[in-house]
């Protein structure tokens, strides 16, 4: 079962003092799963993926991606497993499976 708690990290789009308050508010008020995974991607890799789809959103400039990622990583320090998703998705999936206690056939190093 996968539960998405996007609303928590989504607070990173707010100015930081407000983001931290909103994060703590939502985390206390709303249910959270046993494991929370922050799928981290570098701004450069994110831009590369965005360019493939040929459509841009408001926050999809390198400057904004750097700023929001920094805030999101700061928020994710509290109880999240930070997963590097610059690498192949099979490797990230294997790491998540290991954390959840499932056996994974894909090595983390590759």
PDB file of N, CA and C in Angstrom:
ATOM      1  N   UNK A   1       0.841  -1.180   0.000  1.00  0.00           N
ATOM      2  CA  UNK A   1       0.000   0.000   0.000  1.00  0.00           C
ATOM      3  C   UNK A   1       0.883   1.238   0.000  1.00  0.00           C
ATOM      4  N   UNK A   2       0.552   2.175  -0.830  1.00  0.00           N
ATOM      5  CA  UNK A   2       1.295   3.429  -0.899  1.00  0.00           C
ATOM      6  C   UNK A   2       0.370   4.557  -0.478  1.00  0.00           C
ATOM      7  N   UNK A   3       0.824   5.315   0.492  1.00  0.00           N
ATOM      8  CA  UNK A   3       0.061   6.471   0.957  1.00  0.00           C
ATOM      9  C   UNK A   3       0.875   7.709   0.620  1.00  0.00           C
ATOM     10  N   UNK A   4       0.277   8.646  -0.048  1.00  0.00           N
ATOM     11  CA  UNK A   4       0.990   9.854  -0.441  1.00  0.00           C
ATOM     12  C   UNK A   4       0.653  10.971   0.539  1.00  0.00           C
ATOM     13  N   UNK A   5       1.685  11.568   1.100  1.00  0.00           N
ATOM     14  CA  UNK A   5       1.501  12.672   2.043  1.00  0.00           C
ATOM     15  C   UNK A   5       2.097  13.945   1.446  1.00  0.00           C
ATOM     16  N   UNK A   6       1.742  14.181   0.218  1.00  0.00           N
ATOM     17  CA  UNK A   6       2.274  15.313  -0.537  1.00  0.00           C
ATOM     18  C   UNK A   6       1.977  16.651   0.131  1.00  0.00           C
ATOM     19  N   UNK A   7       0.853  16.741   0.824  1.00  0.00           N
ATOM     20  CA  UNK A   7       0.473  17.997   1.461  1.00  0.00           C
ATOM     21  C   UNK A   7       1.522  18.445   2.475  1.00  0.00           C
ATOM     22  N   UNK A   8       2.236  17.512   3.097  1.00  0.00           N
ATOM     23  CA  UNK A   8       3.253  17.902   4.072  1.00  0.00           C
ATOM     24  C   UNK A   8       4.421  18.615   3.400  1.00  0.00           C
ATOM     25  N   UNK A   9       5.036  17.972   2.424  1.00  0.00           N
ATOM     26  CA  UNK A   9       6.189  18.566   1.756  1.00  0.00           C
ATOM     27  C   UNK A   9       5.744  19.698   0.826  1.00  0.00           C
ATOM     28  N   UNK A  10       4.509  19.677   0.388  1.00  0.00           N
ATOM     29  CA  UNK A  10       3.996  20.759  -0.448  1.00  0.00           C
ATOM     30  C   UNK A  10       4.061  22.113   0.245  1.00  0.00           C
ATOM     31  N   UNK A  11       4.153  22.098   1.566  1.00  0.00           N
ATOM     32  CA  UNK A  11       4.282  23.356   2.302  1.00  0.00           C
ATOM     33  C   UNK A  11       5.613  24.050   2.010  1.00  0.00           C
ATOM     34  N   UNK A  12       6.568  23.346   1.405  1.00  0.00           N
ATOM     35  CA  UNK A  12       7.875  23.938   1.076  1.00  0.00           C
ATOM     36  C   UNK A  12       7.753  25.067   0.054  1.00  0.00           C
ATOM     37  N   UNK A  13       6.637  25.150  -0.640  1.00  0.00           N
ATOM     38  CA  UNK A  13       6.441  26.240  -1.602  1.00  0.00           C
ATOM     39  C   UNK A  13       6.117  27.564  -0.907  1.00  0.00           C
ATOM     40  N   UNK A  14       5.815  27.501   0.379  1.00  0.00           N
ATOM     41  CA  UNK A  14       5.520  28.712   1.149  1.00  0.00           C
ATOM     42  C   UNK A  14       6.821  29.343   1.646  1.00  0.00           C
ATOM     43  N   UNK A  15       6.805  30.614   2.049  1.00  0.00           N
ATOM     44  CA  UNK A  15       7.999  31.199   2.677  1.00  0.00           C
ATOM     45  C   UNK A  15       8.383  30.362   3.905  1.00  0.00           C
ATOM     46  N   UNK A  16       9.690  30.219   4.174  1.00  0.00           N
ATOM     47  CA  UNK A  16      10.129  29.217   5.143  1.00  0.00           C
ATOM     48  C   UNK A  16       9.499  29.306   6.530  1.00  0.00           C
ATOM     49  N   UNK A  17       9.423  30.457   7.194  1.00  0.00           N
ATOM     50  CA  UNK A  17       8.793  30.428   8.521  1.00  0.00           C
ATOM     51  C   UNK A  17       7.357  29.900   8.457  1.00  0.00           C
ATOM     52  N   UNK A  18       6.624  30.287   7.431  1.00  0.00           N
ATOM     53  CA  UNK A  18       5.247  29.814   7.255  1.00  0.00           C
ATOM     54  C   UNK A  18       5.253  28.332   6.890  1.00  0.00           C
ATOM     55  N   UNK A  19       6.186  27.925   6.042  1.00  0.00           N
ATOM     56  CA  UNK A  19       6.281  26.520   5.618  1.00  0.00           C
ATOM     57  C   UNK A  19       6.498  25.610   6.818  1.00  0.00           C
ATOM     58  N   UNK A  20       7.394  26.006   7.698  1.00  0.00           N
ATOM     59  CA  UNK A  20       7.687  25.178   8.874  1.00  0.00           C
ATOM     60  C   UNK A  20       6.454  25.067   9.777  1.00  0.00           C
ATOM     61  N   UNK A  21       5.772  26.190   9.988  1.00  0.00           N
ATOM     62  CA  UNK A  21       4.552  26.180  10.794  1.00  0.00           C
ATOM     63  C   UNK A  21       3.478  25.307  10.138  1.00  0.00           C
ATOM     64  N   UNK A  22       3.252  25.505   8.840  1.00  0.00           N
ATOM     65  CA  UNK A  22       2.228  24.734   8.124  1.00  0.00           C
ATOM     66  C   UNK A  22       2.559  23.244   8.140  1.00  0.00           C
ATOM     67  N   UNK A  23       3.832  22.909   7.960  1.00  0.00           N
ATOM     68  CA  UNK A  23       4.258  21.509   7.993  1.00  0.00           C
ATOM     69  C   UNK A  23       3.909  20.885   9.344  1.00  0.00           C
ATOM     70  N   UNK A  24       4.300  21.547  10.424  1.00  0.00           N
ATOM     71  CA  UNK A  24       4.023  21.005  11.765  1.00  0.00           C
ATOM     72  C   UNK A  24       2.519  20.924  12.023  1.00  0.00           C
ATOM     73  N   UNK A  25       1.775  21.915  11.564  1.00  0.00           N
ATOM     74  CA  UNK A  25       0.324  21.909  11.727  1.00  0.00           C
ATOM     75  C   UNK A  25      -0.293  20.692  11.040  1.00  0.00           C
ATOM     76  N   UNK A  26       0.038  20.506   9.756  1.00  0.00           N
ATOM     77  CA  UNK A  26      -0.526  19.377   9.012  1.00  0.00           C
ATOM     78  C   UNK A  26      -0.051  18.036   9.564  1.00  0.00           C
ATOM     79  N   UNK A  27       1.203  17.977   9.985  1.00  0.00           N
ATOM     80  CA  UNK A  27       1.736  16.712  10.498  1.00  0.00           C
ATOM     81  C   UNK A  27       1.021  16.300  11.783  1.00  0.00           C
ATOM     82  N   UNK A  28       0.644  17.276  12.605  1.00  0.00           N
ATOM     83  CA  UNK A  28      -0.061  16.955  13.845  1.00  0.00           C
ATOM     84  C   UNK A  28      -1.532  16.642  13.602  1.00  0.00           C
ATOM     85  N   UNK A  29      -2.116  17.339  12.662  1.00  0.00           N
ATOM     86  CA  UNK A  29      -3.547  17.223  12.414  1.00  0.00           C
ATOM     87  C   UNK A  29      -3.920  16.001  11.571  1.00  0.00           C
ATOM     88  N   UNK A  30      -3.126  15.718  10.556  1.00  0.00           N
ATOM     89  CA  UNK A  30      -3.474  14.668   9.598  1.00  0.00           C
ATOM     90  C   UNK A  30      -2.691  13.387   9.854  1.00  0.00           C
ATOM     91  N   UNK A  31      -3.263  12.246   9.503  1.00  0.00           N
ATOM     92  CA  UNK A  31      -2.543  10.981   9.717  1.00  0.00           C
ATOM     93  C   UNK A  31      -1.337  10.863   8.782  1.00  0.00           C
ATOM     94  N   UNK A  32      -0.289  10.221   9.282  1.00  0.00           N
ATOM     95  CA  UNK A  32       0.897   9.962   8.461  1.00  0.00           C
ATOM     96  C   UNK A  32       1.213   8.472   8.532  1.00  0.00           C
ATOM     97  N   UNK A  33       1.804   7.933   7.482  1.00  0.00           N
ATOM     98  CA  UNK A  33       2.119   6.504   7.461  1.00  0.00           C
ATOM     99  C   UNK A  33       3.358   6.190   8.302  1.00  0.00           C
ATOM    100  N   UNK A  34       3.601   4.907   8.491  1.00  0.00           N
ATOM    101  CA  UNK A  34       4.770   4.453   9.242  1.00  0.00           C
ATOM    102  C   UNK A  34       6.068   4.928   8.589  1.00  0.00           C
ATOM    103  N   UNK A  35       6.157   4.825   7.282  1.00  0.00           N
ATOM    104  CA  UNK A  35       7.337   5.264   6.540  1.00  0.00           C
ATOM    105  C   UNK A  35       6.942   6.406   5.610  1.00  0.00           C
ATOM    106  N   UNK A  36       7.740   7.465   5.635  1.00  0.00           N
ATOM    107  CA  UNK A  36       7.525   8.565   4.700  1.00  0.00           C
ATOM    108  C   UNK A  36       8.792   8.700   3.861  1.00  0.00           C
ATOM    109  N   UNK A  37       8.612   8.763   2.548  1.00  0.00           N
ATOM    110  CA  UNK A  37       9.736   8.818   1.623  1.00  0.00           C
ATOM    111  C   UNK A  37       9.722  10.145   0.875  1.00  0.00           C
ATOM    112  N   UNK A  38      10.839  10.837   0.936  1.00  0.00           N
ATOM    113  CA  UNK A  38      11.012  12.054   0.156  1.00  0.00           C
ATOM    114  C   UNK A  38      11.834  11.661  -1.058  1.00  0.00           C
ATOM    115  N   UNK A  39      11.234  11.730  -2.230  1.00  0.00           N
ATOM    116  CA  UNK A  39      11.912  11.354  -3.465  1.00  0.00           C
ATOM    117  C   UNK A  39      12.684  12.569  -3.963  1.00  0.00           C
ATOM    118  N   UNK A  40      13.942  12.617  -3.595  1.00  0.00           N
ATOM    119  CA  UNK A  40      14.793  13.769  -3.884  1.00  0.00           C
ATOM    120  C   UNK A  40      15.384  13.676  -5.280  1.00  0.00           C
ATOM    121  N   UNK A  41      15.333  14.770  -5.991  1.00  0.00           N
ATOM    122  CA  UNK A  41      15.945  14.861  -7.320  1.00  0.00           C
ATOM    123  C   UNK A  41      16.670  16.205  -7.390  1.00  0.00           C
ATOM    124  N   UNK A  42      17.864  16.189  -7.942  1.00  0.00           N
ATOM    125  CA  UNK A  42      18.624  17.438  -8.055  1.00  0.00           C
ATOM    126  C   UNK A  42      17.911  18.382  -9.029  1.00  0.00           C
ATOM    127  N   UNK A  43      18.086  19.678  -8.850  1.00  0.00           N
ATOM    128  CA  UNK A  43      17.456  20.632  -9.769  1.00  0.00           C
ATOM    129  C   UNK A  43      17.851  20.401 -11.229  1.00  0.00           C
ATOM    130  N   UNK A  44      19.105  20.055 -11.473  1.00  0.00           N
ATOM    131  CA  UNK A  44      19.539  19.827 -12.857  1.00  0.00           C
ATOM    132  C   UNK A  44      18.840  18.618 -13.477  1.00  0.00           C
ATOM    133  N   UNK A  45      18.719  17.543 -12.705  1.00  0.00           N
ATOM    134  CA  UNK A  45      18.018  16.352 -13.211  1.00  0.00           C
ATOM    135  C   UNK A  45      16.529  16.656 -13.385  1.00  0.00           C
ATOM    136  N   UNK A  46      15.957  17.406 -12.451  1.00  0.00           N
ATOM    137  CA  UNK A  46      14.540  17.778 -12.567  1.00  0.00           C
ATOM    138  C   UNK A  46      14.299  18.574 -13.849  1.00  0.00           C
ATOM    139  N   UNK A  47      15.170  19.528 -14.128  1.00  0.00           N
ATOM    140  CA  UNK A  47      15.023  20.322 -15.355  1.00  0.00           C
ATOM    141  C   UNK A  47      15.165  19.460 -16.601  1.00  0.00           C
ATOM    142  N   UNK A  48      16.074  18.502 -16.563  1.00  0.00           N
ATOM    143  CA  UNK A  48      16.239  17.593 -17.703  1.00  0.00           C
ATOM    144  C   UNK A  48      14.940  16.822 -17.954  1.00  0.00           C
ATOM    145  N   UNK A  49      14.317  16.350 -16.894  1.00  0.00           N
ATOM    146  CA  UNK A  49      13.057  15.605 -17.028  1.00  0.00           C
ATOM    147  C   UNK A  49      11.920  16.519 -17.479  1.00  0.00           C
ATOM    148  N   UNK A  50      11.895  17.730 -16.967  1.00  0.00           N
ATOM    149  CA  UNK A  50      10.861  18.695 -17.351  1.00  0.00           C
ATOM    150  C   UNK A  50      10.959  19.008 -18.840  1.00  0.00           C
ATOM    151  N   UNK A  51      12.165  19.185 -19.335  1.00  0.00           N
ATOM    152  CA  UNK A  51      12.367  19.509 -20.752  1.00  0.00           C
ATOM    153  C   UNK A  51      11.842  18.402 -21.660  1.00  0.00           C
ATOM    154  N   UNK A  52      11.868  17.173 -21.186  1.00  0.00           N
ATOM    155  CA  UNK A  52      11.350  16.055 -21.987  1.00  0.00           C
ATOM    156  C   UNK A  52       9.847  16.176 -22.208  1.00  0.00           C
ATOM    157  N   UNK A  53       9.143  16.729 -21.244  1.00  0.00           N
ATOM    158  CA  UNK A  53       7.683  16.802 -21.384  1.00  0.00           C
ATOM    159  C   UNK A  53       7.232  18.074 -22.088  1.00  0.00           C
ATOM    160  N   UNK A  54       8.123  19.025 -22.270  1.00  0.00           N
ATOM    161  CA  UNK A  54       7.878  20.245 -23.055  1.00  0.00           C
ATOM    162  C   UNK A  54       6.767  21.145 -22.506  1.00  0.00           C
ATOM    163  N   UNK A  55       6.531  21.054 -21.242  1.00  0.00           N
ATOM    164  CA  UNK A  55       5.551  21.935 -20.602  1.00  0.00           C
ATOM    165  C   UNK A  55       6.122  22.363 -19.256  1.00  0.00           C
ATOM    166  N   UNK A  56       5.983  23.624 -18.950  1.00  0.00           N
ATOM    167  CA  UNK A  56       6.555  24.149 -17.718  1.00  0.00           C
ATOM    168  C   UNK A  56       5.460  24.655 -16.790  1.00  0.00           C
ATOM    169  N   UNK A  57       5.713  24.508 -15.493  1.00  0.00           N
ATOM    170  CA  UNK A  57       4.830  25.045 -14.471  1.00  0.00           C
ATOM    171  C   UNK A  57       5.503  26.281 -13.875  1.00  0.00           C
ATOM    172  N   UNK A  58       4.776  26.981 -13.047  1.00  0.00           N
ATOM    173  CA  UNK A  58       5.233  28.227 -12.465  1.00  0.00           C
ATOM    174  C   UNK A  58       6.562  28.106 -11.702  1.00  0.00           C
ATOM    175  N   UNK A  59       6.750  27.021 -10.957  1.00  0.00           N
ATOM    176  CA  UNK A  59       7.930  26.881 -10.107  1.00  0.00           C
ATOM    177  C   UNK A  59       9.068  26.128 -10.794  1.00  0.00           C
ATOM    178  N   UNK A  60       8.999  25.924 -12.076  1.00  0.00           N
ATOM    179  CA  UNK A  60       9.966  25.059 -12.741  1.00  0.00           C
ATOM    180  C   UNK A  60      11.105  25.811 -13.436  1.00  0.00           C
ATOM    181  N   UNK A  61      11.691  26.726 -12.711  1.00  0.00           N
ATOM    182  CA  UNK A  61      12.942  27.334 -13.146  1.00  0.00           C
ATOM    183  C   UNK A  61      14.029  26.762 -12.244  1.00  0.00           C
ATOM    184  N   UNK A  62      15.259  26.793 -12.689  1.00  0.00           N
ATOM    185  CA  UNK A  62      16.340  26.237 -11.869  1.00  0.00           C
ATOM    186  C   UNK A  62      16.387  26.940 -10.508  1.00  0.00           C
ATOM    187  N   UNK A  63      16.264  28.251 -10.515  1.00  0.00           N
ATOM    188  CA  UNK A  63      16.317  29.027  -9.270  1.00  0.00           C
ATOM    189  C   UNK A  63      15.220  28.588  -8.296  1.00  0.00           C
ATOM    190  N   UNK A  64      13.998  28.462  -8.785  1.00  0.00           N
ATOM    191  CA  UNK A  64      12.885  28.041  -7.924  1.00  0.00           C
ATOM    192  C   UNK A  64      13.058  26.600  -7.451  1.00  0.00           C
ATOM    193  N   UNK A  65      13.522  25.725  -8.334  1.00  0.00           N
ATOM    194  CA  UNK A  65      13.736  24.330  -7.945  1.00  0.00           C
ATOM    195  C   UNK A  65      14.783  24.220  -6.839  1.00  0.00           C
ATOM    196  N   UNK A  66      15.847  24.996  -6.941  1.00  0.00           N
ATOM    197  CA  UNK A  66      16.888  24.997  -5.901  1.00  0.00           C
ATOM    198  C   UNK A  66      16.304  25.478  -4.577  1.00  0.00           C
ATOM    199  N   UNK A  67      15.552  26.575  -4.629  1.00  0.00           N
ATOM    200  CA  UNK A  67      14.978  27.176  -3.421  1.00  0.00           C
ATOM    201  C   UNK A  67      13.976  26.231  -2.741  1.00  0.00           C
ATOM    202  N   UNK A  68      13.069  25.671  -3.506  1.00  0.00           N
ATOM    203  CA  UNK A  68      12.039  24.792  -2.939  1.00  0.00           C
ATOM    204  C   UNK A  68      12.658  23.486  -2.440  1.00  0.00           C
ATOM    205  N   UNK A  69      13.620  22.951  -3.193  1.00  0.00           N
ATOM    206  CA  UNK A  69      14.281  21.707  -2.760  1.00  0.00           C
ATOM    207  C   UNK A  69      14.971  21.906  -1.417  1.00  0.00           C
ATOM    208  N   UNK A  70      15.639  23.032  -1.246  1.00  0.00           N
ATOM    209  CA  UNK A  70      16.336  23.313   0.015  1.00  0.00           C
ATOM    210  C   UNK A  70      15.351  23.319   1.186  1.00  0.00           C
ATOM    211  N   UNK A  71      14.213  23.981   1.005  1.00  0.00           N
ATOM    212  CA  UNK A  71      13.198  24.019   2.068  1.00  0.00           C
ATOM    213  C   UNK A  71      12.598  22.638   2.301  1.00  0.00           C
ATOM    214  N   UNK A  72      12.314  21.912   1.222  1.00  0.00           N
ATOM    215  CA  UNK A  72      11.719  20.579   1.352  1.00  0.00           C
ATOM    216  C   UNK A  72      12.666  19.629   2.074  1.00  0.00           C
ATOM    217  N   UNK A  73      13.954  19.682   1.739  1.00  0.00           N
ATOM    218  CA  UNK A  73      14.927  18.823   2.422  1.00  0.00           C
ATOM    219  C   UNK A  73      15.025  19.173   3.904  1.00  0.00           C
ATOM    220  N   UNK A  74      14.931  20.452   4.235  1.00  0.00           N
ATOM    221  CA  UNK A  74      14.950  20.859   5.645  1.00  0.00           C
ATOM    222  C   UNK A  74      13.742  20.282   6.378  1.00  0.00           C
ATOM    223  N   UNK A  75      12.573  20.328   5.748  1.00  0.00           N
ATOM    224  CA  UNK A  75      11.370  19.767   6.365  1.00  0.00           C
ATOM    225  C   UNK A  75      11.450  18.245   6.457  1.00  0.00           C
ATOM    226  N   UNK A  76      12.042  17.614   5.463  1.00  0.00           N
ATOM    227  CA  UNK A  76      12.103  16.149   5.405  1.00  0.00           C
ATOM    228  C   UNK A  76      13.075  15.553   6.417  1.00  0.00           C
ATOM    229  N   UNK A  77      13.857  16.375   7.086  1.00  0.00           N
ATOM    230  CA  UNK A  77      14.793  15.861   8.090  1.00  0.00           C
ATOM    231  C   UNK A  77      14.054  15.245   9.279  1.00  0.00           C
ATOM    232  N   UNK A  78      12.802  15.618   9.450  1.00  0.00           N
ATOM    233  CA  UNK A  78      12.014  15.125  10.581  1.00  0.00           C
ATOM    234  C   UNK A  78      11.193  13.903  10.185  1.00  0.00           C
ATOM    235  N   UNK A  79      11.793  12.735  10.226  1.00  0.00           N
ATOM    236  CA  UNK A  79      11.041  11.500  10.062  1.00  0.00           C
ATOM    237  C   UNK A  79      10.866  10.969   8.653  1.00  0.00           C
ATOM    238  N   UNK A  80      11.508  11.563   7.676  1.00  0.00           N
ATOM    239  CA  UNK A  80      11.392  11.088   6.301  1.00  0.00           C
ATOM    240  C   UNK A  80      12.627  10.290   5.910  1.00  0.00           C
ATOM    241  N   UNK A  81      12.452   9.322   5.050  1.00  0.00           N
ATOM    242  CA  UNK A  81      13.569   8.643   4.394  1.00  0.00           C
ATOM    243  C   UNK A  81      13.803   9.414   3.097  1.00  0.00           C
ATOM    244  N   UNK A  82      14.995   9.960   2.946  1.00  0.00           N
ATOM    245  CA  UNK A  82      15.308  10.743   1.746  1.00  0.00           C
ATOM    246  C   UNK A  82      15.923   9.802   0.715  1.00  0.00           C
ATOM    247  N   UNK A  83      15.237   9.657  -0.411  1.00  0.00           N
ATOM    248  CA  UNK A  83      15.632   8.717  -1.458  1.00  0.00           C
ATOM    249  C   UNK A  83      16.162   9.494  -2.658  1.00  0.00           C
ATOM    250  N   UNK A  84      17.381   9.178  -3.063  1.00  0.00           N
ATOM    251  CA  UNK A  84      17.985   9.813  -4.234  1.00  0.00           C
ATOM    252  C   UNK A  84      17.321   9.253  -5.488  1.00  0.00           C
ATOM    253  N   UNK A  85      16.641  10.107  -6.237  1.00  0.00           N
ATOM    254  CA  UNK A  85      15.989   9.642  -7.464  1.00  0.00           C
ATOM    255  C   UNK A  85      16.650  10.195  -8.721  1.00  0.00           C
ATOM    256  N   UNK A  86      17.886  10.654  -8.585  1.00  0.00           N
ATOM    257  CA  UNK A  86      18.664  10.996  -9.781  1.00  0.00           C
ATOM    258  C   UNK A  86      19.098   9.718 -10.498  1.00  0.00           C
ATOM    259  N   UNK A  87      19.132   8.635  -9.787  1.00  0.00           N
ATOM    260  CA  UNK A  87      19.569   7.336 -10.323  1.00  0.00           C
ATOM    261  C   UNK A  87      18.382   6.606 -10.952  1.00  0.00           C
ATOM    262  N   UNK A  88      18.626   5.460 -11.578  1.00  0.00           N
ATOM    263  CA  UNK A  88      17.513   4.708 -12.188  1.00  0.00           C
ATOM    264  C   UNK A  88      16.414   4.389 -11.168  1.00  0.00           C
ATOM    265  N   UNK A  89      15.167   4.460 -11.636  1.00  0.00           N
ATOM    266  CA  UNK A  89      14.038   4.278 -10.713  1.00  0.00           C
ATOM    267  C   UNK A  89      14.026   2.910 -10.054  1.00  0.00           C
ATOM    268  N   UNK A  90      14.582   1.888 -10.707  1.00  0.00           N
ATOM    269  CA  UNK A  90      14.629   0.558 -10.106  1.00  0.00           C
ATOM    270  C   UNK A  90      15.493   0.562  -8.841  1.00  0.00           C
ATOM    271  N   UNK A  91      16.550   1.342  -8.850  1.00  0.00           N
ATOM    272  CA  UNK A  91      17.422   1.422  -7.679  1.00  0.00           C
ATOM    273  C   UNK A  91      16.732   2.150  -6.525  1.00  0.00           C
ATOM    274  N   UNK A  92      16.021   3.213  -6.835  1.00  0.00           N
ATOM    275  CA  UNK A  92      15.275   3.934  -5.801  1.00  0.00           C
ATOM    276  C   UNK A  92      14.174   3.035  -5.234  1.00  0.00           C
ATOM    277  N   UNK A  93      13.496   2.298  -6.105  1.00  0.00           N
ATOM    278  CA  UNK A  93      12.434   1.379  -5.662  1.00  0.00           C
ATOM    279  C   UNK A  93      13.003   0.287  -4.766  1.00  0.00           C
ATOM    280  N   UNK A  94      14.188  -0.205  -5.105  1.00  0.00           N
ATOM    281  CA  UNK A  94      14.823  -1.244  -4.289  1.00  0.00           C
ATOM    282  C   UNK A  94      15.153  -0.711  -2.899  1.00  0.00           C
ATOM    283  N   UNK A  95      15.620   0.531  -2.826  1.00  0.00           N
ATOM    284  CA  UNK A  95      15.927   1.128  -1.524  1.00  0.00           C
ATOM    285  C   UNK A  95      14.662   1.275  -0.681  1.00  0.00           C
ATOM    286  N   UNK A  96      13.586   1.714  -1.299  1.00  0.00           N
ATOM    287  CA  UNK A  96      12.312   1.848  -0.586  1.00  0.00           C
ATOM    288  C   UNK A  96      11.838   0.486  -0.093  1.00  0.00           C
ATOM    289  N   UNK A  97      11.937  -0.518  -0.937  1.00  0.00           N
ATOM    290  CA  UNK A  97      11.527  -1.874  -0.544  1.00  0.00           C
ATOM    291  C   UNK A  97      12.337  -2.365   0.643  1.00  0.00           C
ATOM    292  N   UNK A  98      13.629  -2.109   0.634  1.00  0.00           N
ATOM    293  CA  UNK A  98      14.483  -2.537   1.751  1.00  0.00           C
ATOM    294  C   UNK A  98      14.072  -1.851   3.050  1.00  0.00           C
ATOM    295  N   UNK A  99      13.800  -0.564   2.969  1.00  0.00           N
ATOM    296  CA  UNK A  99      13.395   0.178   4.168  1.00  0.00           C
ATOM    297  C   UNK A  99      12.083  -0.379   4.710  1.00  0.00           C
ATOM    298  N   UNK A 100      11.178  -0.744   3.819  1.00  0.00           N
ATOM    299  CA  UNK A 100       9.886  -1.294   4.234  1.00  0.00           C
ATOM    300  C   UNK A 100       9.995  -2.742   4.687  1.00  0.00           C
ATOM    301  N   UNK A 101      11.161  -3.342   4.478  1.00  0.00           N
ATOM    302  CA  UNK A 101      11.357  -4.715   4.919  1.00  0.00           C
ATOM    303  C   UNK A 101      11.064  -5.758   3.870  1.00  0.00           C
ATOM    304  N   UNK A 102      10.879  -5.335   2.618  1.00  0.00           N
ATOM    305  CA  UNK A 102      10.644  -6.282   1.538  1.00  0.00           C
ATOM    306  C   UNK A 102      11.976  -6.676   0.938  1.00  0.00           C
ATOM    307  N   UNK A 103      12.060  -7.880   0.411  1.00  0.00           N
ATOM    308  CA  UNK A 103      13.292  -8.260  -0.274  1.00  0.00           C
ATOM    309  C   UNK A 103      13.287  -7.619  -1.652  1.00  0.00           C
ATOM    310  N   UNK A 104      14.423  -7.133  -2.051  1.00  0.00           N
ATOM    311  CA  UNK A 104      14.548  -6.502  -3.368  1.00  0.00           C
ATOM    312  C   UNK A 104      15.688  -7.158  -4.113  1.00  0.00           C
ATOM    313  N   UNK A 105      15.485  -7.403  -5.391  1.00  0.00           N
ATOM    314  CA  UNK A 105      16.498  -8.074  -6.192  1.00  0.00           C
ATOM    315  C   UNK A 105      17.467  -7.097  -6.843  1.00  0.00           C
ATOM    316  N   UNK A 106      17.129  -5.815  -6.842  1.00  0.00           N
ATOM    317  CA  UNK A 106      17.965  -4.827  -7.514  1.00  0.00           C
ATOM    318  C   UNK A 106      18.960  -4.264  -6.501  1.00  0.00           C
ATOM    319  N   UNK A 107      20.263  -4.286  -6.804  1.00  0.00           N
ATOM    320  CA  UNK A 107      21.255  -3.747  -5.860  1.00  0.00           C
ATOM    321  C   UNK A 107      21.170  -2.226  -5.776  1.00  0.00           C
ATOM    322  N   UNK A 108      21.541  -1.678  -4.625  1.00  0.00           N
ATOM    323  CA  UNK A 108      21.541  -0.226  -4.461  1.00  0.00           C
ATOM    324  C   UNK A 108      22.688   0.415  -5.221  1.00  0.00           C
ATOM    325  N   UNK A 109      23.792  -0.253  -5.305  1.00  0.00           N
ATOM    326  CA  UNK A 109      24.942   0.264  -6.053  1.00  0.00           C
ATOM    327  C   UNK A 109      24.889  -0.336  -7.441  1.00  0.00           C
ATOM    328  N   UNK A 110      25.294   0.398  -8.414  1.00  0.00           N
ATOM    329  CA  UNK A 110      25.188  -0.213  -9.724  1.00  0.00           C
ATOM    330  C   UNK A 110      26.037   0.416 -10.704  1.00  0.00           C
TER     331      UNK A 110
END
